[in-house]
Amino acid sequence: MQGKFKRSDERSLGKPALLCIDLQFLGAIEGYGIFEKQRQSGISKGAIEYYLDRVWSTVIPNVVTLQRTFREMGQEIIHSRIQSLTQDGRDRSWEHKRLGLHAAPGSKLAEFLPDVAPQGDELIINKTASGLFNSTNIHYVMRNLDITDLLVAGVYTNECVSSAVRSAADLGYNVTLLSDATAAITPELHRAAILTVKERYARVSTTKEAIEKYKGALATGRD
């Protein structure tokens, strides 16, 4: 579905894509990956409980809604995840080696969460660093697809999500950070990340606001 988007403020809406970051077993399921061994992770029990509750009560339902809407509109959904090229992870970034982050190809840790997994031939971008734009060819792919607008959801707000938002903004994309479709390990980190990027690198919107805006733009902008 193609169409020109219009709105009244400083920048017109363009062709959107929904970017879903790291919604996989590695960092969103109790007993797996980051949360497999709580004491070794260095994250408090309270923080883990808060984070997992937010992921499953807020983030996942909103991402489900976003994905359904984008599929109905015929717009691109891009799924990024942490997954190494090799079984032993020797190709990982130094950062991921230091943090012990490793999801081997075909492993359970690399699997997307079933509720928000890719469908059909939706794009999947694998990475082994926090910086999605620095460590993959996503910019090249999105340019080939004529994507101009990026709506960002996923985890963690203050790490991989924030990195993607800022890099996308620097590269000229019209970025929207979805405040209720993202999560950090504490509410303080989530709020701080939102405040850091708001109206500087991205618009900050709820899922409902973003859907209404883009559905309306598509409806009025069709040729």
Protein backbone atom coordinates (compact mmCIF):
# COMPACT_ATOMS: atom_id res chain seq x y z
CA MET A 1 0.00 0.00 0.00
CA GLN A 2 1.52 3.27 -1.12
CA GLY A 3 0.41 6.80 -0.35
CA LYS A 4 1.50 10.28 0.61
CA PHE A 5 0.95 11.25 4.21
CA LYS A 6 -0.01 14.73 5.31
CA ARG A 7 -0.25 16.49 8.63
CA SER A 8 -0.31 20.05 9.91
CA ASP A 9 2.95 20.30 11.85
CA GLU A 10 6.60 20.66 10.86
CA ARG A 11 7.12 17.35 9.07
CA SER A 12 4.82 15.29 6.91
CA LEU A 13 4.35 11.63 7.64
CA GLY A 14 5.91 9.26 5.16
CA LYS A 15 6.01 5.53 4.53
CA PRO A 16 6.13 3.79 7.92
CA ALA A 17 7.63 0.60 9.27
CA LEU A 18 7.14 -0.95 12.70
CA LEU A 19 10.42 -1.99 14.32
CA CYS A 20 10.13 -4.62 17.09
CA ILE A 21 13.36 -4.97 19.06
CA ASP A 22 14.58 -8.06 20.97
CA LEU A 23 11.19 -9.60 21.80
CA GLN A 24 12.72 -13.04 22.24
CA PHE A 25 13.31 -15.72 24.87
CA LEU A 26 16.78 -14.36 25.70
CA GLY A 27 15.51 -11.30 27.54
CA ALA A 28 11.79 -11.58 28.11
CA ILE A 29 11.05 -14.96 29.70
CA GLU A 30 11.70 -15.91 33.32
CA GLY A 31 14.13 -18.83 33.54
CA TYR A 32 15.78 -18.12 30.19
CA GLY A 33 18.86 -16.20 29.14
CA ILE A 34 19.33 -13.00 31.13
CA PHE A 35 16.96 -14.20 33.85
CA GLU A 36 18.08 -17.83 34.00
CA LYS A 37 20.28 -17.32 37.03
CA GLN A 38 19.10 -14.32 38.99
CA ARG A 39 22.08 -14.04 41.35
CA GLN A 40 24.57 -14.15 38.50
CA SER A 41 22.63 -11.59 36.48
CA GLY A 42 23.18 -8.88 39.07
CA ILE A 43 19.55 -7.77 38.75
CA SER A 44 17.39 -7.67 41.86
CA LYS A 45 14.36 -9.90 42.23
CA GLY A 46 12.12 -6.84 42.47
CA ALA A 47 13.47 -5.37 39.25
CA ILE A 48 13.02 -8.64 37.39
CA GLU A 49 9.45 -8.97 38.62
CA TYR A 50 8.64 -5.39 37.62
CA TYR A 51 10.18 -5.77 34.18
CA LEU A 52 8.60 -9.10 33.30
CA ASP A 53 5.21 -7.91 34.52
CA ARG A 54 5.44 -4.82 32.31
CA VAL A 55 6.57 -6.86 29.32
CA TRP A 56 3.68 -9.28 29.55
CA SER A 57 0.92 -7.00 30.83
CA THR A 58 1.69 -3.92 28.74
CA VAL A 59 4.35 -4.30 26.06
CA ILE A 60 3.27 -7.56 24.42
CA PRO A 61 -0.46 -6.69 24.18
CA ASN A 62 0.39 -3.33 22.60
CA VAL A 63 2.88 -4.85 20.17
CA VAL A 64 0.22 -7.40 19.18
CA THR A 65 -2.13 -4.50 18.42
CA LEU A 66 0.56 -2.65 16.47
CA GLN A 67 1.51 -5.68 14.41
CA ARG A 68 -2.11 -6.48 13.59
CA THR A 69 -2.71 -2.89 12.50
CA PHE A 70 0.41 -2.74 10.34
CA ARG A 71 -0.52 -6.01 8.66
CA GLU A 72 -4.00 -4.67 7.96
CA MET A 73 -2.51 -1.48 6.50
CA GLY A 74 -0.08 -3.46 4.36
CA GLN A 75 2.96 -1.79 5.92
CA GLU A 76 6.32 -3.32 6.81
CA ILE A 77 7.11 -4.93 10.15
CA ILE A 78 10.79 -5.43 10.95
CA HIS A 79 11.80 -7.82 13.73
CA SER A 80 15.29 -7.49 15.21
CA ARG A 81 16.80 -9.94 17.66
CA ILE A 82 20.06 -10.93 19.26
CA GLN A 83 21.45 -13.94 17.41
CA SER A 84 25.04 -14.86 16.65
CA LEU A 85 26.30 -16.09 13.31
CA THR A 86 28.14 -18.95 15.01
CA GLN A 87 27.19 -21.57 17.59
CA ASP A 88 29.96 -20.52 19.97
CA GLY A 89 29.30 -16.82 19.52
CA ARG A 90 32.83 -15.91 18.53
CA ASP A 91 31.45 -13.31 16.09
CA ARG A 92 29.72 -11.35 18.87
CA SER A 93 30.68 -7.80 19.74
CA TRP A 94 33.06 -7.29 22.65
CA GLU A 95 30.14 -5.72 24.52
CA HIS A 96 27.99 -8.84 24.21
CA LYS A 97 30.89 -11.10 25.15
CA ARG A 98 31.50 -9.01 28.26
CA LEU A 99 27.81 -9.10 29.21
CA GLY A 100 27.47 -12.80 28.44
CA LEU A 101 24.75 -12.23 25.86
CA HIS A 102 24.61 -15.08 23.38
CA ALA A 103 21.80 -16.63 21.38
CA ALA A 104 23.10 -19.26 18.99
CA PRO A 105 21.41 -19.82 15.62
CA GLY A 106 18.40 -22.09 16.07
CA SER A 107 18.51 -21.90 19.87
CA LYS A 108 15.57 -21.34 22.18
CA LEU A 109 17.10 -18.06 23.32
CA ALA A 110 16.99 -16.77 19.75
CA GLU A 111 13.31 -17.63 19.31
CA PHE A 112 10.85 -14.77 19.08
CA LEU A 113 8.07 -14.67 21.65
CA PRO A 114 5.16 -16.56 20.02
CA ASP A 115 2.61 -13.76 20.51
CA VAL A 116 4.69 -11.28 18.51
CA ALA A 117 6.70 -13.54 16.21
CA PRO A 118 7.19 -12.74 12.52
CA GLN A 119 4.53 -13.87 10.08
CA GLY A 120 4.93 -14.66 6.39
CA ASP A 121 7.96 -12.99 4.87
CA GLU A 122 8.28 -10.17 7.40
CA LEU A 123 11.85 -8.98 7.75
CA ILE A 124 14.17 -10.38 10.43
CA ILE A 125 17.42 -8.59 11.30
CA ASN A 126 19.91 -10.42 13.53
CA LYS A 127 22.43 -8.49 15.61
CA THR A 128 25.19 -9.07 18.14
CA ALA A 129 25.46 -5.57 19.57
CA SER A 130 23.14 -3.02 21.15
CA GLY A 131 23.45 -0.71 18.17
CA LEU A 132 21.10 -2.10 15.52
CA PHE A 133 22.03 0.51 12.93
CA ASN A 134 25.76 0.28 13.67
CA SER A 135 26.01 -3.49 13.47
CA THR A 136 23.56 -4.54 10.73
CA ASN A 137 22.42 -3.56 7.23
CA ILE A 138 19.01 -2.34 8.39
CA HIS A 139 19.55 1.18 7.01
CA TYR A 140 20.36 -0.23 3.57
CA VAL A 141 17.29 -2.49 3.71
CA MET A 142 14.93 0.29 4.77
CA ARG A 143 16.20 2.58 2.04
CA ASN A 144 15.49 -0.17 -0.50
CA LEU A 145 11.95 -0.32 0.88
CA ASP A 146 11.56 3.49 0.74
CA ILE A 147 10.86 3.61 4.47
CA THR A 148 10.91 7.14 5.87
CA ASP A 149 9.09 6.73 9.20
CA LEU A 150 9.99 4.30 11.97
CA LEU A 151 7.79 3.34 14.91
CA VAL A 152 9.89 1.64 17.58
CA ALA A 153 8.79 -0.94 20.16
CA GLY A 154 10.63 -3.53 22.26
CA VAL A 155 13.24 -3.83 25.01
CA TYR A 156 15.18 -2.36 26.78
CA THR A 157 14.01 1.25 26.43
CA ASN A 158 17.29 2.66 27.71
CA GLU A 159 19.58 0.34 25.76
CA CYS A 160 18.85 -1.24 22.38
CA VAL A 161 15.64 0.74 21.84
CA SER A 162 17.22 4.09 22.66
CA SER A 163 20.25 3.30 20.50
CA ALA A 164 18.01 2.49 17.52
CA VAL A 165 15.94 5.63 18.01
CA ARG A 166 18.92 7.95 18.11
CA SER A 167 20.72 6.32 15.18
CA ALA A 168 17.57 6.35 13.06
CA ALA A 169 17.02 10.03 13.82
CA ASP A 170 20.62 10.84 12.88
CA LEU A 171 20.11 9.03 9.56
CA GLY A 172 17.07 11.15 8.75
CA TYR A 173 14.16 8.90 9.68
CA ASN A 174 10.99 10.30 11.19
CA VAL A 175 11.01 8.34 14.47
CA THR A 176 8.22 7.59 16.93
CA LEU A 177 9.05 5.88 20.21
CA LEU A 178 6.07 3.96 21.57
CA SER A 179 6.05 4.63 25.30
CA ASP A 180 3.63 1.82 26.19
CA ALA A 181 5.22 -0.77 23.90
CA THR A 182 8.69 -0.53 25.46
CA ALA A 183 10.19 -1.50 28.82
CA ALA A 184 13.35 -1.15 30.88
CA ILE A 185 14.46 -3.08 33.92
CA THR A 186 13.20 -0.31 36.24
CA PRO A 187 10.54 2.38 35.79
CA GLU A 188 13.18 5.04 36.47
CA LEU A 189 15.34 3.87 33.57
CA HIS A 190 12.31 3.70 31.28
CA ARG A 191 11.25 7.26 32.14
CA ALA A 192 14.80 8.59 31.82
CA ALA A 193 15.17 7.05 28.37
CA ILE A 194 11.85 8.54 27.26
CA LEU A 195 12.83 12.00 28.51
CA THR A 196 16.23 11.80 26.80
CA VAL A 197 14.84 11.23 23.31
CA LYS A 198 11.49 13.03 23.52
CA GLU A 199 11.12 15.80 20.94
CA ARG A 200 14.85 15.67 20.23
CA TYR A 201 15.35 12.33 18.50
CA ALA A 202 11.76 11.11 18.36
CA ARG A 203 8.14 11.81 19.00
CA VAL A 204 6.89 9.86 21.99
CA SER A 205 3.42 8.39 21.51
CA THR A 206 1.19 5.73 22.95
CA THR A 207 0.18 2.81 20.78
CA LYS A 208 -3.32 4.21 20.35
CA GLU A 209 -2.08 7.67 19.36
CA ALA A 210 0.38 6.30 16.81
CA ILE A 211 -2.16 3.97 15.21
CA GLU A 212 -4.74 6.74 14.89
CA LYS A 213 -2.18 9.07 13.35
CA TYR A 214 -0.89 6.67 10.72
CA LYS A 215 -4.24 5.11 9.88
CA GLY A 216 -5.63 8.60 9.34
CA ALA A 217 -2.64 9.60 7.22
CA LEU A 218 -3.00 6.52 5.05
CA ALA A 219 -6.71 7.13 4.60
CA THR A 220 -6.26 10.75 3.52
CA GLY A 221 -3.03 10.29 1.59
CA ARG A 222 -3.97 7.57 -0.89
CA ASP A 223 -3.72 8.46 -4.52
